[in-house]
């Protein structure tokens, strides 16, 4: 099958980012083969950070993680591709090779995951650092705006404030899947195990997994459970004052108005 045909297929499933799709699939396959993000990054010609960011982006967009960390073993920890990740790889190649057989994968009722839904999530283009696949659990209507309550994981919920007109235009309804977009600079951080007393509606606990320093700002990534992460960009002085480093308990804080919702 030619590249132009692959582009058309992926565009139909949520965007025209086929090169990105292939890169992510190749990275997932390398993780499955190597059992390590470091070795997988080397195998596909990426830096560790680029590979790590790409896998976090995939995990955030899927209902369940495509890659999970594995601890222990003779040589320490590693990484494994989950059943959802394997389904995503299989679906991608299926669409590349024979679209006519793709429907059979789902119509026989034996597949536990709908890979087309997973692929559609990966195709979306956005400049927001945080793109999180959620399910609408409640809509609280107001005169002008509505508050949308979203389930991100079994233990984490988000809230977004959008106009009533947007609710209608996007056809947002309970139990529907949406993608919540939050820019990294919009996220404030606090440390400690106790929930901070702030006006921000979204207060999400996590553990710092990564810190990348620049001359003025730094990027902090929090593991918030369920295979999901949130990334914040704050000043380097602020990160130093808070003592943010890997393993520290922290809270991601952001306003409902800073959450943008997107639908397929």
C-alpha atoms as a PDB file:
ATOM      1  CA  UNK A   1       0.000   0.000   0.000  1.00  0.00           C
ATOM      2  CA  UNK A   2       1.374   3.452  -0.882  1.00  0.00           C
ATOM      3  CA  UNK A   3       2.047   6.215   1.609  1.00  0.00           C
ATOM      4  CA  UNK A   4      -0.705   8.381   0.073  1.00  0.00           C
ATOM      5  CA  UNK A   5      -3.293   5.716   0.826  1.00  0.00           C
ATOM      6  CA  UNK A   6      -2.062   5.390   4.401  1.00  0.00           C
ATOM      7  CA  UNK A   7      -2.416   9.164   4.800  1.00  0.00           C
ATOM      8  CA  UNK A   8      -6.032   8.985   3.682  1.00  0.00           C
ATOM      9  CA  UNK A   9      -6.823   6.178   6.092  1.00  0.00           C
ATOM     10  CA  UNK A  10      -5.316   7.968   9.089  1.00  0.00           C
ATOM     11  CA  UNK A  11      -6.942  11.273   8.135  1.00  0.00           C
ATOM     12  CA  UNK A  12     -10.287   9.547   8.248  1.00  0.00           C
ATOM     13  CA  UNK A  13      -9.599   8.393  11.749  1.00  0.00           C
ATOM     14  CA  UNK A  14      -8.972  11.809  13.230  1.00  0.00           C
ATOM     15  CA  UNK A  15      -6.232  13.757  11.486  1.00  0.00           C
ATOM     16  CA  UNK A  16      -3.373  13.715   9.023  1.00  0.00           C
ATOM     17  CA  UNK A  17      -0.515  12.882  11.366  1.00  0.00           C
ATOM     18  CA  UNK A  18       0.468   9.570   9.821  1.00  0.00           C
ATOM     19  CA  UNK A  19       4.213  10.173  10.266  1.00  0.00           C
ATOM     20  CA  UNK A  20       3.579  10.724  13.965  1.00  0.00           C
ATOM     21  CA  UNK A  21       1.423   7.627  14.046  1.00  0.00           C
ATOM     22  CA  UNK A  22       4.101   5.480  12.454  1.00  0.00           C
ATOM     23  CA  UNK A  23       6.755   6.849  14.787  1.00  0.00           C
ATOM     24  CA  UNK A  24       4.694   6.022  17.837  1.00  0.00           C
ATOM     25  CA  UNK A  25       3.847   2.553  16.577  1.00  0.00           C
ATOM     26  CA  UNK A  26       7.521   1.881  15.841  1.00  0.00           C
ATOM     27  CA  UNK A  27       8.403   3.062  19.331  1.00  0.00           C
ATOM     28  CA  UNK A  28       5.756   0.822  20.908  1.00  0.00           C
ATOM     29  CA  UNK A  29       7.090  -2.131  18.939  1.00  0.00           C
ATOM     30  CA  UNK A  30      10.629  -1.346  20.061  1.00  0.00           C
ATOM     31  CA  UNK A  31       9.508  -1.258  23.701  1.00  0.00           C
ATOM     32  CA  UNK A  32       7.795  -4.627  23.258  1.00  0.00           C
ATOM     33  CA  UNK A  33      10.969  -6.078  21.752  1.00  0.00           C
ATOM     34  CA  UNK A  34      13.540  -4.444  24.024  1.00  0.00           C
ATOM     35  CA  UNK A  35      11.611  -4.335  27.308  1.00  0.00           C
ATOM     36  CA  UNK A  36      13.178  -0.947  28.013  1.00  0.00           C
ATOM     37  CA  UNK A  37      12.377   2.639  27.049  1.00  0.00           C
ATOM     38  CA  UNK A  38      16.073   3.500  26.910  1.00  0.00           C
ATOM     39  CA  UNK A  39      16.887   0.649  24.519  1.00  0.00           C
ATOM     40  CA  UNK A  40      13.722   1.287  22.502  1.00  0.00           C
ATOM     41  CA  UNK A  41      14.674   4.953  22.064  1.00  0.00           C
ATOM     42  CA  UNK A  42      18.113   3.931  20.813  1.00  0.00           C
ATOM     43  CA  UNK A  43      16.574   1.407  18.431  1.00  0.00           C
ATOM     44  CA  UNK A  44      14.323   3.991  16.730  1.00  0.00           C
ATOM     45  CA  UNK A  45      16.823   6.862  16.845  1.00  0.00           C
ATOM     46  CA  UNK A  46      15.177   9.021  19.507  1.00  0.00           C
ATOM     47  CA  UNK A  47      16.518  10.607  22.661  1.00  0.00           C
ATOM     48  CA  UNK A  48      15.262   9.078  25.882  1.00  0.00           C
ATOM     49  CA  UNK A  49      13.212  12.202  26.676  1.00  0.00           C
ATOM     50  CA  UNK A  50      11.600  12.278  23.225  1.00  0.00           C
ATOM     51  CA  UNK A  51      10.627   8.617  23.569  1.00  0.00           C
ATOM     52  CA  UNK A  52       9.425   9.088  27.136  1.00  0.00           C
ATOM     53  CA  UNK A  53       7.286  12.102  26.142  1.00  0.00           C
ATOM     54  CA  UNK A  54       5.818  10.232  23.159  1.00  0.00           C
ATOM     55  CA  UNK A  55       4.823   7.242  25.281  1.00  0.00           C
ATOM     56  CA  UNK A  56       3.294   9.484  27.947  1.00  0.00           C
ATOM     57  CA  UNK A  57       1.261  11.216  25.229  1.00  0.00           C
ATOM     58  CA  UNK A  58      -0.014   7.836  23.996  1.00  0.00           C
ATOM     59  CA  UNK A  59      -0.929   6.728  27.517  1.00  0.00           C
ATOM     60  CA  UNK A  60      -2.785   9.977  28.204  1.00  0.00           C
ATOM     61  CA  UNK A  61      -4.922   9.597  25.086  1.00  0.00           C
ATOM     62  CA  UNK A  62      -5.962   5.972  25.599  1.00  0.00           C
ATOM     63  CA  UNK A  63      -8.557   4.619  28.046  1.00  0.00           C
ATOM     64  CA  UNK A  64      -5.827   2.456  29.597  1.00  0.00           C
ATOM     65  CA  UNK A  65      -2.012   2.684  29.311  1.00  0.00           C
ATOM     66  CA  UNK A  66      -0.284   1.281  26.235  1.00  0.00           C
ATOM     67  CA  UNK A  67       3.018   1.026  28.118  1.00  0.00           C
ATOM     68  CA  UNK A  68       3.594   0.408  31.819  1.00  0.00           C
ATOM     69  CA  UNK A  69       6.699   0.340  33.970  1.00  0.00           C
ATOM     70  CA  UNK A  70       7.924  -2.999  35.249  1.00  0.00           C
ATOM     71  CA  UNK A  71       9.978  -3.240  38.434  1.00  0.00           C
ATOM     72  CA  UNK A  72      12.373  -5.875  39.671  1.00  0.00           C
ATOM     73  CA  UNK A  73      14.116  -8.548  37.669  1.00  0.00           C
ATOM     74  CA  UNK A  74      17.763  -9.459  37.322  1.00  0.00           C
ATOM     75  CA  UNK A  75      18.692  -6.165  35.666  1.00  0.00           C
ATOM     76  CA  UNK A  76      16.216  -3.881  37.437  1.00  0.00           C
ATOM     77  CA  UNK A  77      13.061  -2.334  36.013  1.00  0.00           C
ATOM     78  CA  UNK A  78      11.904  -2.055  32.457  1.00  0.00           C
ATOM     79  CA  UNK A  79       8.757  -1.404  30.441  1.00  0.00           C
ATOM     80  CA  UNK A  80       6.081  -3.585  28.903  1.00  0.00           C
ATOM     81  CA  UNK A  81       3.474  -3.019  26.199  1.00  0.00           C
ATOM     82  CA  UNK A  82      -0.020  -3.752  27.522  1.00  0.00           C
ATOM     83  CA  UNK A  83      -2.842  -5.540  25.749  1.00  0.00           C
ATOM     84  CA  UNK A  84      -4.205  -2.142  24.708  1.00  0.00           C
ATOM     85  CA  UNK A  85      -0.814  -1.255  23.271  1.00  0.00           C
ATOM     86  CA  UNK A  86      -0.644  -4.529  21.383  1.00  0.00           C
ATOM     87  CA  UNK A  87      -4.156  -3.956  20.044  1.00  0.00           C
ATOM     88  CA  UNK A  88      -3.123  -0.512  18.854  1.00  0.00           C
ATOM     89  CA  UNK A  89      -0.072  -1.900  17.029  1.00  0.00           C
ATOM     90  CA  UNK A  90      -2.138  -4.639  15.425  1.00  0.00           C
ATOM     91  CA  UNK A  91      -4.843  -2.205  14.325  1.00  0.00           C
ATOM     92  CA  UNK A  92      -2.359   0.214  12.800  1.00  0.00           C
ATOM     93  CA  UNK A  93      -0.773  -2.463  10.642  1.00  0.00           C
ATOM     94  CA  UNK A  94      -4.170  -3.820   9.769  1.00  0.00           C
ATOM     95  CA  UNK A  95      -5.234  -0.415   8.463  1.00  0.00           C
ATOM     96  CA  UNK A  96      -2.000  -0.009   6.542  1.00  0.00           C
ATOM     97  CA  UNK A  97      -2.212  -3.397   4.873  1.00  0.00           C
ATOM     98  CA  UNK A  98      -5.869  -4.207   4.356  1.00  0.00           C
ATOM     99  CA  UNK A  99      -8.635  -1.834   5.342  1.00  0.00           C
ATOM    100  CA  UNK A 100     -11.163  -4.301   4.013  1.00  0.00           C
ATOM    101  CA  UNK A 101     -10.299  -6.710   6.826  1.00  0.00           C
ATOM    102  CA  UNK A 102     -10.313  -4.122   9.615  1.00  0.00           C
ATOM    103  CA  UNK A 103     -14.044  -4.463  10.286  1.00  0.00           C
ATOM    104  CA  UNK A 104     -13.667  -8.220  10.815  1.00  0.00           C
ATOM    105  CA  UNK A 105     -11.408  -7.615  13.810  1.00  0.00           C
ATOM    106  CA  UNK A 106     -14.292  -5.977  15.671  1.00  0.00           C
ATOM    107  CA  UNK A 107     -17.379  -7.646  14.180  1.00  0.00           C
ATOM    108  CA  UNK A 108     -16.490 -11.106  15.460  1.00  0.00           C
ATOM    109  CA  UNK A 109     -16.851  -9.855  19.037  1.00  0.00           C
ATOM    110  CA  UNK A 110     -13.565 -11.372  20.230  1.00  0.00           C
ATOM    111  CA  UNK A 111     -11.484  -8.178  20.532  1.00  0.00           C
ATOM    112  CA  UNK A 112     -11.557  -6.663  24.063  1.00  0.00           C
ATOM    113  CA  UNK A 113     -10.562  -3.247  22.700  1.00  0.00           C
ATOM    114  CA  UNK A 114     -11.737  -1.202  19.735  1.00  0.00           C
ATOM    115  CA  UNK A 115      -8.417  -0.225  18.127  1.00  0.00           C
ATOM    116  CA  UNK A 116     -10.082   2.262  15.777  1.00  0.00           C
ATOM    117  CA  UNK A 117     -11.033   4.357  18.799  1.00  0.00           C
ATOM    118  CA  UNK A 118      -7.429   4.205  19.989  1.00  0.00           C
ATOM    119  CA  UNK A 119      -6.114   5.301  16.592  1.00  0.00           C
ATOM    120  CA  UNK A 120      -8.567   8.169  16.383  1.00  0.00           C
ATOM    121  CA  UNK A 121      -7.243   9.509  19.692  1.00  0.00           C
ATOM    122  CA  UNK A 122      -3.665   9.497  18.424  1.00  0.00           C
ATOM    123  CA  UNK A 123      -4.473  11.458  15.286  1.00  0.00           C
ATOM    124  CA  UNK A 124      -5.562  14.702  16.932  1.00  0.00           C
ATOM    125  CA  UNK A 125      -3.280  17.725  16.513  1.00  0.00           C
ATOM    126  CA  UNK A 126      -2.895  20.141  19.422  1.00  0.00           C
ATOM    127  CA  UNK A 127      -0.293  22.493  20.857  1.00  0.00           C
ATOM    128  CA  UNK A 128      -1.439  21.779  24.426  1.00  0.00           C
ATOM    129  CA  UNK A 129       1.153  19.778  26.346  1.00  0.00           C
ATOM    130  CA  UNK A 130      -1.542  17.843  28.199  1.00  0.00           C
ATOM    131  CA  UNK A 131      -4.143  15.997  26.107  1.00  0.00           C
ATOM    132  CA  UNK A 132      -6.189  13.669  28.305  1.00  0.00           C
ATOM    133  CA  UNK A 133      -8.880  11.242  27.186  1.00  0.00           C
ATOM    134  CA  UNK A 134     -11.844  11.495  29.583  1.00  0.00           C
ATOM    135  CA  UNK A 135     -15.471  10.462  29.937  1.00  0.00           C
ATOM    136  CA  UNK A 136     -18.217  12.965  30.729  1.00  0.00           C
ATOM    137  CA  UNK A 137     -19.932  12.051  33.989  1.00  0.00           C
ATOM    138  CA  UNK A 138     -22.066  15.132  34.674  1.00  0.00           C
ATOM    139  CA  UNK A 139     -23.117  18.412  33.091  1.00  0.00           C
ATOM    140  CA  UNK A 140     -24.072  21.264  35.424  1.00  0.00           C
ATOM    141  CA  UNK A 141     -25.976  23.776  33.324  1.00  0.00           C
ATOM    142  CA  UNK A 142     -25.932  27.521  33.976  1.00  0.00           C
ATOM    143  CA  UNK A 143     -27.329  30.591  32.308  1.00  0.00           C
ATOM    144  CA  UNK A 144     -24.283  31.228  30.104  1.00  0.00           C
ATOM    145  CA  UNK A 145     -21.690  28.624  31.039  1.00  0.00           C
ATOM    146  CA  UNK A 146     -21.847  24.964  32.003  1.00  0.00           C
ATOM    147  CA  UNK A 147     -19.502  22.985  34.231  1.00  0.00           C
ATOM    148  CA  UNK A 148     -18.512  19.625  32.759  1.00  0.00           C
ATOM    149  CA  UNK A 149     -17.344  16.932  35.173  1.00  0.00           C
ATOM    150  CA  UNK A 150     -14.974  14.428  33.597  1.00  0.00           C
ATOM    151  CA  UNK A 151     -13.641  11.052  34.715  1.00  0.00           C
ATOM    152  CA  UNK A 152      -9.961  10.692  33.817  1.00  0.00           C
ATOM    153  CA  UNK A 153      -9.182   7.568  35.868  1.00  0.00           C
ATOM    154  CA  UNK A 154     -11.010   5.573  38.518  1.00  0.00           C
ATOM    155  CA  UNK A 155      -9.760   8.038  41.151  1.00  0.00           C
ATOM    156  CA  UNK A 156      -9.179  11.295  39.257  1.00  0.00           C
ATOM    157  CA  UNK A 157     -11.834  13.686  37.971  1.00  0.00           C
ATOM    158  CA  UNK A 158     -11.507  16.992  36.133  1.00  0.00           C
ATOM    159  CA  UNK A 159     -13.852  19.936  35.781  1.00  0.00           C
ATOM    160  CA  UNK A 160     -14.121  22.249  32.793  1.00  0.00           C
ATOM    161  CA  UNK A 161     -16.187  25.385  32.271  1.00  0.00           C
ATOM    162  CA  UNK A 162     -17.430  25.995  28.722  1.00  0.00           C
ATOM    163  CA  UNK A 163     -20.297  27.961  27.248  1.00  0.00           C
ATOM    164  CA  UNK A 164     -23.740  26.442  26.899  1.00  0.00           C
ATOM    165  CA  UNK A 165     -23.440  27.074  23.161  1.00  0.00           C
ATOM    166  CA  UNK A 166     -20.270  24.953  23.086  1.00  0.00           C
ATOM    167  CA  UNK A 167     -22.081  22.156  24.919  1.00  0.00           C
ATOM    168  CA  UNK A 168     -24.667  22.129  22.150  1.00  0.00           C
ATOM    169  CA  UNK A 169     -22.208  22.552  19.278  1.00  0.00           C
ATOM    170  CA  UNK A 170     -19.946  19.745  20.525  1.00  0.00           C
ATOM    171  CA  UNK A 171     -22.939  17.546  21.449  1.00  0.00           C
ATOM    172  CA  UNK A 172     -21.423  16.900  24.852  1.00  0.00           C
ATOM    173  CA  UNK A 173     -23.459  14.429  26.887  1.00  0.00           C
ATOM    174  CA  UNK A 174     -22.948  12.092  29.859  1.00  0.00           C
ATOM    175  CA  UNK A 175     -20.940   8.940  29.111  1.00  0.00           C
ATOM    176  CA  UNK A 176     -19.462  10.505  25.962  1.00  0.00           C
ATOM    177  CA  UNK A 177     -15.686  10.491  25.437  1.00  0.00           C
ATOM    178  CA  UNK A 178     -13.905  13.833  25.104  1.00  0.00           C
ATOM    179  CA  UNK A 179     -10.311  15.018  25.180  1.00  0.00           C
ATOM    180  CA  UNK A 180      -9.370  17.574  27.826  1.00  0.00           C
ATOM    181  CA  UNK A 181      -6.561  19.932  26.782  1.00  0.00           C
ATOM    182  CA  UNK A 182      -4.546  21.870  29.353  1.00  0.00           C
ATOM    183  CA  UNK A 183      -1.496  23.948  28.524  1.00  0.00           C
ATOM    184  CA  UNK A 184       1.515  23.219  30.723  1.00  0.00           C
ATOM    185  CA  UNK A 185       1.998  26.903  31.799  1.00  0.00           C
ATOM    186  CA  UNK A 186      -1.602  26.955  33.091  1.00  0.00           C
ATOM    187  CA  UNK A 187      -0.783  24.336  35.730  1.00  0.00           C
ATOM    188  CA  UNK A 188       0.409  25.547  39.124  1.00  0.00           C
ATOM    189  CA  UNK A 189       2.162  23.187  41.527  1.00  0.00           C
ATOM    190  CA  UNK A 190       2.148  22.705  45.282  1.00  0.00           C
ATOM    191  CA  UNK A 191       3.914  20.129  47.425  1.00  0.00           C
ATOM    192  CA  UNK A 192       2.842  17.920  50.315  1.00  0.00           C
ATOM    193  CA  UNK A 193       0.291  15.183  50.888  1.00  0.00           C
ATOM    194  CA  UNK A 194      -2.498  17.459  52.153  1.00  0.00           C
ATOM    195  CA  UNK A 195      -4.793  19.047  49.583  1.00  0.00           C
ATOM    196  CA  UNK A 196      -3.903  22.750  49.182  1.00  0.00           C
ATOM    197  CA  UNK A 197      -6.514  25.340  50.085  1.00  0.00           C
ATOM    198  CA  UNK A 198      -6.794  27.276  46.839  1.00  0.00           C
ATOM    199  CA  UNK A 199      -9.594  28.530  44.616  1.00  0.00           C
ATOM    200  CA  UNK A 200      -8.558  26.377  41.659  1.00  0.00           C
ATOM    201  CA  UNK A 201     -11.287  23.782  41.046  1.00  0.00           C
ATOM    202  CA  UNK A 202      -8.912  21.147  39.734  1.00  0.00           C
ATOM    203  CA  UNK A 203      -6.564  19.858  42.430  1.00  0.00           C
ATOM    204  CA  UNK A 204      -4.904  16.623  41.391  1.00  0.00           C
ATOM    205  CA  UNK A 205      -2.354  14.758  43.519  1.00  0.00           C
ATOM    206  CA  UNK A 206       0.660  13.095  41.986  1.00  0.00           C
ATOM    207  CA  UNK A 207       4.303  12.202  42.332  1.00  0.00           C
ATOM    208  CA  UNK A 208       7.074  13.993  40.467  1.00  0.00           C
ATOM    209  CA  UNK A 209       8.621  11.596  37.960  1.00  0.00           C
ATOM    210  CA  UNK A 210      10.721  13.944  35.874  1.00  0.00           C
ATOM    211  CA  UNK A 211      12.232  17.435  35.998  1.00  0.00           C
ATOM    212  CA  UNK A 212      13.870  19.116  33.029  1.00  0.00           C
ATOM    213  CA  UNK A 213      15.583  22.453  33.759  1.00  0.00           C
ATOM    214  CA  UNK A 214      16.085  25.364  31.394  1.00  0.00           C
ATOM    215  CA  UNK A 215      17.821  28.696  32.063  1.00  0.00           C
ATOM    216  CA  UNK A 216      14.610  30.294  33.411  1.00  0.00           C
ATOM    217  CA  UNK A 217      11.837  27.707  33.434  1.00  0.00           C
ATOM    218  CA  UNK A 218      11.595  23.998  34.043  1.00  0.00           C
ATOM    219  CA  UNK A 219       9.238  21.228  33.015  1.00  0.00           C
ATOM    220  CA  UNK A 220       7.807  19.054  35.781  1.00  0.00           C
ATOM    221  CA  UNK A 221       5.942  15.810  35.075  1.00  0.00           C
ATOM    222  CA  UNK A 222       3.631  14.246  37.640  1.00  0.00           C
ATOM    223  CA  UNK A 223       2.409  10.661  37.721  1.00  0.00           C
ATOM    224  CA  UNK A 224      -1.265  11.015  38.689  1.00  0.00           C
ATOM    225  CA  UNK A 225      -2.074   7.292  38.599  1.00  0.00           C
ATOM    226  CA  UNK A 226      -3.922   5.104  36.163  1.00  0.00           C
ATOM    227  CA  UNK A 227      -1.059   5.357  33.673  1.00  0.00           C
ATOM    228  CA  UNK A 228      -1.678   9.122  33.260  1.00  0.00           C
ATOM    229  CA  UNK A 229       0.677  12.057  33.695  1.00  0.00           C
ATOM    230  CA  UNK A 230       0.370  15.837  33.852  1.00  0.00           C
ATOM    231  CA  UNK A 231       3.140  18.189  32.761  1.00  0.00           C
ATOM    232  CA  UNK A 232       3.607  21.708  34.124  1.00  0.00           C
ATOM    233  CA  UNK A 233       6.017  24.458  33.138  1.00  0.00           C
ATOM    234  CA  UNK A 234       6.987  26.742  36.028  1.00  0.00           C
ATOM    235  CA  UNK A 235       9.927  28.980  36.854  1.00  0.00           C
ATOM    236  CA  UNK A 236      13.142  27.308  37.879  1.00  0.00           C
ATOM    237  CA  UNK A 237      13.256  29.442  41.042  1.00  0.00           C
ATOM    238  CA  UNK A 238       9.747  28.260  41.933  1.00  0.00           C
ATOM    239  CA  UNK A 239      10.723  24.629  41.409  1.00  0.00           C
ATOM    240  CA  UNK A 240      13.795  25.074  43.592  1.00  0.00           C
ATOM    241  CA  UNK A 241      11.801  26.757  46.358  1.00  0.00           C
ATOM    242  CA  UNK A 242       9.296  23.908  46.366  1.00  0.00           C
ATOM    243  CA  UNK A 243      12.056  21.283  46.296  1.00  0.00           C
ATOM    244  CA  UNK A 244      10.488  19.595  43.274  1.00  0.00           C
ATOM    245  CA  UNK A 245      12.448  16.507  42.265  1.00  0.00           C
ATOM    246  CA  UNK A 246      11.683  12.905  41.380  1.00  0.00           C
ATOM    247  CA  UNK A 247       9.733  11.145  44.120  1.00  0.00           C
ATOM    248  CA  UNK A 248       8.260  14.277  45.742  1.00  0.00           C
ATOM    249  CA  UNK A 249       4.505  14.410  46.423  1.00  0.00           C
ATOM    250  CA  UNK A 250       2.954  17.322  44.543  1.00  0.00           C
ATOM    251  CA  UNK A 251      -0.391  18.733  43.446  1.00  0.00           C
ATOM    252  CA  UNK A 252      -1.356  19.972  39.994  1.00  0.00           C
ATOM    253  CA  UNK A 253      -3.672  22.979  40.309  1.00  0.00           C
ATOM    254  CA  UNK A 254      -5.565  24.627  37.456  1.00  0.00           C
ATOM    255  CA  UNK A 255      -8.805  26.494  36.821  1.00  0.00           C
ATOM    256  CA  UNK A 256     -11.837  25.013  35.103  1.00  0.00           C
ATOM    257  CA  UNK A 257     -11.610  27.816  32.536  1.00  0.00           C
ATOM    258  CA  UNK A 258      -8.127  26.591  31.572  1.00  0.00           C
ATOM    259  CA  UNK A 259      -9.484  23.230  30.373  1.00  0.00           C
ATOM    260  CA  UNK A 260     -10.422  23.091  26.684  1.00  0.00           C
ATOM    261  CA  UNK A 261     -12.611  20.229  25.483  1.00  0.00           C
ATOM    262  CA  UNK A 262     -12.334  18.537  22.087  1.00  0.00           C
ATOM    263  CA  UNK A 263     -14.486  15.828  20.546  1.00  0.00           C
ATOM    264  CA  UNK A 264     -13.886  13.431  17.661  1.00  0.00           C
END
